[in-house]
């Protein structure tokens, strides 16, 4: 089976051409776990199948490293755009991609015939607590108190097609994310688990973020997480609507447009290597 290893700001996935390579649905979770293993497989934060779609130009079928299906991945969808353009599956620089039944609109920026940057219309942020979902008393979870392993935090919850809890802190260097992250991910207040962003505000246009992704652990970047952070920052009055989010693997430019209530994400997409594996 042919594969392509790609990354966006260090958020890396194994990409499979679903037009030509077939893996039975029931075998995909085990296949994903084996391919994602950084010691015995290719290594990555998960596996993304690029498939035909009846709703859009292409479908992104995304799985976390633990074999669970995920609704959306901002860094992943940018790499899907590069995958289909660089491999000649499309010659358009504006495409649509379906992910978990939702269609996203992408603009591709090319250089020497290859995609370098992608701008994604990530849609409207979901703020209603029951739709994220998160358990809380109010309609929205903004600066909402939560206790995790005996420590009190304030979180702001946003869905960008998948659930996020944004937590602000000053001591990012001292964050023991491998200990704290799993407790947030599996907290009973998150019925479908949660991605947790730990954020330090640097100025009105710049923030720093580390992320614990459900099913994958700490990753070098999370596109939907960066979008959720930008929205949360505006809701809490901490930044402007255009913000640079610095992550371990680079940075993303996020804008929450006040006129149409849509979030736009712009960032890189890169191919790491290609190869073939035997089952």
Protein backbone atom coordinates (compact mmCIF):
# COMPACT_ATOMS: atom_id res chain seq x y z
CA UNK A 1 0.00 0.00 0.00
CA UNK A 2 1.34 3.40 -1.00
CA UNK A 3 1.31 6.23 1.53
CA UNK A 4 2.41 9.84 1.92
CA UNK A 5 3.67 11.25 5.22
CA UNK A 6 2.69 14.93 5.58
CA UNK A 7 2.75 17.58 8.28
CA UNK A 8 1.31 20.98 9.02
CA UNK A 9 3.22 22.82 11.76
CA UNK A 10 4.49 19.45 12.95
CA UNK A 11 1.03 17.90 13.24
CA UNK A 12 1.85 14.82 11.15
CA UNK A 13 -0.37 12.18 9.58
CA UNK A 14 -0.09 9.24 7.22
CA UNK A 15 -2.14 9.94 4.08
CA UNK A 16 -3.72 7.18 2.04
CA UNK A 17 -5.22 7.69 -1.43
CA UNK A 18 -8.71 6.24 -0.97
CA UNK A 19 -9.33 6.40 -4.70
CA UNK A 20 -6.79 3.63 -5.32
CA UNK A 21 -6.01 2.01 -1.94
CA UNK A 22 -8.74 0.10 -0.13
CA UNK A 23 -8.88 -0.82 3.56
CA UNK A 24 -12.08 -2.47 4.84
CA UNK A 25 -13.89 -0.24 7.35
CA UNK A 26 -13.73 -2.82 10.14
CA UNK A 27 -9.95 -3.12 9.74
CA UNK A 28 -9.21 0.61 9.73
CA UNK A 29 -8.84 1.11 13.53
CA UNK A 30 -6.15 -1.56 13.77
CA UNK A 31 -4.52 -0.37 10.55
CA UNK A 32 -4.40 3.18 11.91
CA UNK A 33 -2.86 2.11 15.22
CA UNK A 34 -0.13 0.15 13.43
CA UNK A 35 0.66 2.88 10.91
CA UNK A 36 0.70 5.61 13.59
CA UNK A 37 3.12 3.80 15.88
CA UNK A 38 6.38 5.76 15.88
CA UNK A 39 8.47 2.70 16.76
CA UNK A 40 6.91 -0.15 14.77
CA UNK A 41 5.01 1.75 12.06
CA UNK A 42 5.40 4.83 9.92
CA UNK A 43 4.65 7.16 12.82
CA UNK A 44 2.17 9.99 13.07
CA UNK A 45 -0.65 11.62 14.98
CA UNK A 46 -3.05 9.46 12.99
CA UNK A 47 -4.09 8.41 9.49
CA UNK A 48 -6.12 10.35 6.94
CA UNK A 49 -7.80 8.70 3.96
CA UNK A 50 -8.43 10.98 0.97
CA UNK A 51 -11.62 9.67 -0.63
CA UNK A 52 -14.18 10.51 -3.30
CA UNK A 53 -17.14 12.54 -2.02
CA UNK A 54 -20.72 13.07 -3.14
CA UNK A 55 -20.88 16.35 -1.18
CA UNK A 56 -17.57 18.00 -2.09
CA UNK A 57 -14.54 17.66 -4.34
CA UNK A 58 -12.93 15.26 -1.86
CA UNK A 59 -13.55 13.60 1.50
CA UNK A 60 -11.12 13.61 4.43
CA UNK A 61 -11.65 10.49 6.54
CA UNK A 62 -9.55 11.12 9.64
CA UNK A 63 -8.49 8.82 12.46
CA UNK A 64 -6.57 9.57 15.65
CA UNK A 65 -3.46 7.57 16.50
CA UNK A 66 -5.50 5.32 18.84
CA UNK A 67 -7.74 4.24 15.96
CA UNK A 68 -10.76 6.37 16.88
CA UNK A 69 -12.53 8.39 14.20
CA UNK A 70 -12.30 12.18 14.50
CA UNK A 71 -14.62 14.81 13.07
CA UNK A 72 -12.14 17.40 11.87
CA UNK A 73 -8.44 18.35 11.73
CA UNK A 74 -7.32 21.81 10.66
CA UNK A 75 -3.72 20.89 9.94
CA UNK A 76 -4.84 17.67 8.31
CA UNK A 77 -7.26 19.32 5.92
CA UNK A 78 -4.56 21.73 4.69
CA UNK A 79 -2.37 18.75 3.88
CA UNK A 80 -5.30 17.12 2.06
CA UNK A 81 -5.39 20.19 -0.17
CA UNK A 82 -1.67 19.85 -0.92
CA UNK A 83 -2.06 16.08 -1.46
CA UNK A 84 -4.78 16.37 -4.10
CA UNK A 85 -3.18 19.31 -5.93
CA UNK A 86 0.41 18.11 -5.94
CA UNK A 87 -0.66 14.64 -7.10
CA UNK A 88 -2.78 16.02 -9.94
CA UNK A 89 -6.15 14.95 -8.52
CA UNK A 90 -7.29 18.54 -9.12
CA UNK A 91 -5.96 21.63 -10.88
CA UNK A 92 -8.21 24.02 -8.96
CA UNK A 93 -6.86 26.42 -6.35
CA UNK A 94 -10.23 26.68 -4.64
CA UNK A 95 -11.67 23.36 -3.54
CA UNK A 96 -14.19 21.84 -1.14
CA UNK A 97 -13.42 19.01 1.28
CA UNK A 98 -15.95 16.97 3.23
CA UNK A 99 -15.05 15.85 6.74
CA UNK A 100 -17.53 13.86 8.84
CA UNK A 101 -20.39 15.13 6.67
CA UNK A 102 -19.40 18.81 6.91
CA UNK A 103 -18.00 20.68 3.90
CA UNK A 104 -15.07 23.09 4.22
CA UNK A 105 -13.90 25.63 1.64
CA UNK A 106 -10.17 25.93 0.94
CA UNK A 107 -7.97 28.33 -1.01
CA UNK A 108 -4.60 27.00 -2.15
CA UNK A 109 -1.50 29.17 -2.55
CA UNK A 110 1.04 27.60 -4.87
CA UNK A 111 4.71 28.10 -5.66
CA UNK A 112 6.51 26.36 -8.55
CA UNK A 113 3.51 24.10 -9.11
CA UNK A 114 3.25 22.95 -5.50
CA UNK A 115 0.99 24.03 -2.66
CA UNK A 116 2.82 25.97 0.07
CA UNK A 117 0.03 27.56 2.11
CA UNK A 118 -3.68 26.91 2.50
CA UNK A 119 -6.46 29.14 3.80
CA UNK A 120 -9.42 27.24 5.20
CA UNK A 121 -12.88 28.58 5.92
CA UNK A 122 -13.43 26.61 9.12
CA UNK A 123 -17.05 27.72 9.45
CA UNK A 124 -18.89 29.17 12.41
CA UNK A 125 -17.70 28.30 15.91
CA UNK A 126 -20.17 26.33 18.01
CA UNK A 127 -20.60 27.90 21.44
CA UNK A 128 -23.73 26.23 22.83
CA UNK A 129 -22.56 23.93 25.60
CA UNK A 130 -24.86 21.05 24.70
CA UNK A 131 -23.66 21.08 21.10
CA UNK A 132 -19.92 21.09 21.90
CA UNK A 133 -20.68 19.00 24.09
CA UNK A 134 -19.72 20.05 27.62
CA UNK A 135 -21.70 19.73 30.83
CA UNK A 136 -22.32 23.12 32.45
CA UNK A 137 -25.17 25.11 33.99
CA UNK A 138 -25.20 27.94 31.46
CA UNK A 139 -25.84 28.05 27.73
CA UNK A 140 -22.15 28.70 27.07
CA UNK A 141 -18.97 27.69 28.89
CA UNK A 142 -16.97 30.94 28.97
CA UNK A 143 -14.49 31.33 31.85
CA UNK A 144 -16.24 28.30 33.33
CA UNK A 145 -14.81 26.82 36.52
CA UNK A 146 -13.67 23.19 36.38
CA UNK A 147 -11.80 21.06 38.89
CA UNK A 148 -9.26 18.60 37.54
CA UNK A 149 -7.36 16.33 39.92
CA UNK A 150 -7.94 18.65 42.86
CA UNK A 151 -6.89 21.83 41.03
CA UNK A 152 -9.24 24.60 39.90
CA UNK A 153 -9.09 25.97 36.36
CA UNK A 154 -11.17 28.27 34.17
CA UNK A 155 -12.03 26.97 30.73
CA UNK A 156 -13.76 28.35 27.67
CA UNK A 157 -15.27 25.68 25.45
CA UNK A 158 -15.67 25.89 21.68
CA UNK A 159 -16.41 23.36 18.97
CA UNK A 160 -14.86 23.73 15.54
CA UNK A 161 -16.45 20.48 14.42
CA UNK A 162 -14.72 18.80 17.37
CA UNK A 163 -14.76 19.78 21.07
CA UNK A 164 -12.13 22.05 22.65
CA UNK A 165 -11.50 23.36 26.16
CA UNK A 166 -9.24 26.44 26.28
CA UNK A 167 -7.38 27.05 29.54
CA UNK A 168 -5.22 30.12 30.21
CA UNK A 169 -2.01 30.05 32.24
CA UNK A 170 1.22 31.95 32.74
CA UNK A 171 3.70 29.12 33.36
CA UNK A 172 3.71 27.27 30.04
CA UNK A 173 7.24 25.96 30.56
CA UNK A 174 6.26 24.29 33.82
CA UNK A 175 3.13 22.67 32.38
CA UNK A 176 3.25 18.89 32.85
CA UNK A 177 0.88 18.30 29.98
CA UNK A 178 1.41 14.54 29.87
CA UNK A 179 -0.03 14.36 33.40
CA UNK A 180 -2.75 17.00 33.15
CA UNK A 181 -3.92 16.38 29.58
CA UNK A 182 -5.43 12.92 30.06
CA UNK A 183 -7.50 14.09 33.03
CA UNK A 184 -9.02 16.87 30.95
CA UNK A 185 -9.54 14.55 27.98
CA UNK A 186 -11.48 11.99 30.01
CA UNK A 187 -13.20 14.36 32.46
CA UNK A 188 -16.88 13.42 32.98
CA UNK A 189 -17.96 16.90 31.89
CA UNK A 190 -16.96 16.02 28.31
CA UNK A 191 -19.29 13.30 26.97
CA UNK A 192 -17.19 12.81 23.81
CA UNK A 193 -13.84 13.56 25.44
CA UNK A 194 -12.11 16.83 24.61
CA UNK A 195 -9.04 18.48 23.09
CA UNK A 196 -7.43 20.80 25.62
CA UNK A 197 -5.48 23.94 24.72
CA UNK A 198 -3.22 25.48 27.37
CA UNK A 199 -2.66 29.11 26.37
CA UNK A 200 -0.51 32.09 27.33
CA UNK A 201 -1.48 35.47 25.89
CA UNK A 202 1.61 37.38 24.70
CA UNK A 203 -0.13 40.50 23.35
CA UNK A 204 -3.37 41.56 21.67
CA UNK A 205 -2.42 39.77 18.45
CA UNK A 206 -0.24 36.86 19.61
CA UNK A 207 -0.72 33.84 21.85
CA UNK A 208 1.30 30.74 22.69
CA UNK A 209 -0.38 27.33 22.85
CA UNK A 210 0.30 23.74 23.81
CA UNK A 211 -2.34 21.15 23.07
CA UNK A 212 -3.40 17.74 24.32
CA UNK A 213 -5.46 16.03 21.62
CA UNK A 214 -7.94 13.30 22.47
CA UNK A 215 -6.73 10.00 21.13
CA UNK A 216 -3.26 11.29 20.22
CA UNK A 217 -1.74 13.00 23.28
CA UNK A 218 0.38 16.13 22.96
CA UNK A 219 0.89 17.17 19.35
CA UNK A 220 3.07 19.91 17.88
CA UNK A 221 0.01 21.73 16.54
CA UNK A 222 -3.76 21.54 16.27
CA UNK A 223 -5.52 23.60 13.61
CA UNK A 224 -9.01 23.39 15.06
CA UNK A 225 -7.47 24.06 18.46
CA UNK A 226 -5.85 27.27 17.20
CA UNK A 227 -9.24 28.36 15.85
CA UNK A 228 -10.91 27.56 19.17
CA UNK A 229 -8.21 29.53 21.00
CA UNK A 230 -8.77 32.62 18.81
CA UNK A 231 -12.51 32.48 19.47
CA UNK A 232 -12.00 31.96 23.19
CA UNK A 233 -9.58 34.90 23.37
CA UNK A 234 -12.14 37.22 21.79
CA UNK A 235 -14.90 35.95 24.07
CA UNK A 236 -12.70 36.69 27.07
CA UNK A 237 -11.61 40.09 25.76
CA UNK A 238 -7.95 39.09 25.58
CA UNK A 239 -7.06 39.62 21.90
CA UNK A 240 -8.23 41.14 18.65
CA UNK A 241 -10.08 39.03 16.09
CA UNK A 242 -6.92 38.41 14.06
CA UNK A 243 -4.33 36.51 16.04
CA UNK A 244 -1.11 34.58 15.48
CA UNK A 245 -1.13 31.31 17.41
CA UNK A 246 2.35 30.00 18.17
CA UNK A 247 2.54 26.23 18.62
CA UNK A 248 5.46 23.88 19.16
CA UNK A 249 5.64 23.16 15.41
CA UNK A 250 5.29 26.69 14.05
CA UNK A 251 2.48 29.21 13.86
CA UNK A 252 -0.96 29.66 12.33
CA UNK A 253 -2.82 32.84 11.39
CA UNK A 254 -6.42 32.83 12.61
CA UNK A 255 -9.21 35.34 11.97
CA UNK A 256 -12.70 35.29 13.47
CA UNK A 257 -14.62 37.48 11.04
CA UNK A 258 -17.11 39.69 12.90
CA UNK A 259 -19.29 40.23 9.81
CA UNK A 260 -20.05 36.63 8.91
CA UNK A 261 -19.12 34.83 12.15
CA UNK A 262 -16.74 32.49 10.33
CA UNK A 263 -13.24 31.46 11.37
CA UNK A 264 -10.42 31.45 8.81
CA UNK A 265 -7.16 29.56 9.29
CA UNK A 266 -4.05 30.06 7.16
CA UNK A 267 -0.92 27.95 7.45
CA UNK A 268 1.62 25.68 5.76
CA UNK A 269 1.34 22.13 4.45
CA UNK A 270 4.37 20.00 3.68
CA UNK A 271 5.17 16.54 2.37
CA UNK A 272 7.74 14.68 4.49
CA UNK A 273 8.25 11.49 2.53
CA UNK A 274 6.45 8.79 0.54
CA UNK A 275 6.68 5.04 0.60
CA UNK A 276 5.00 1.67 0.48
CA UNK A 277 4.05 -0.73 3.27
CA UNK A 278 3.12 -4.40 3.16
CA UNK A 279 0.20 -5.69 5.21
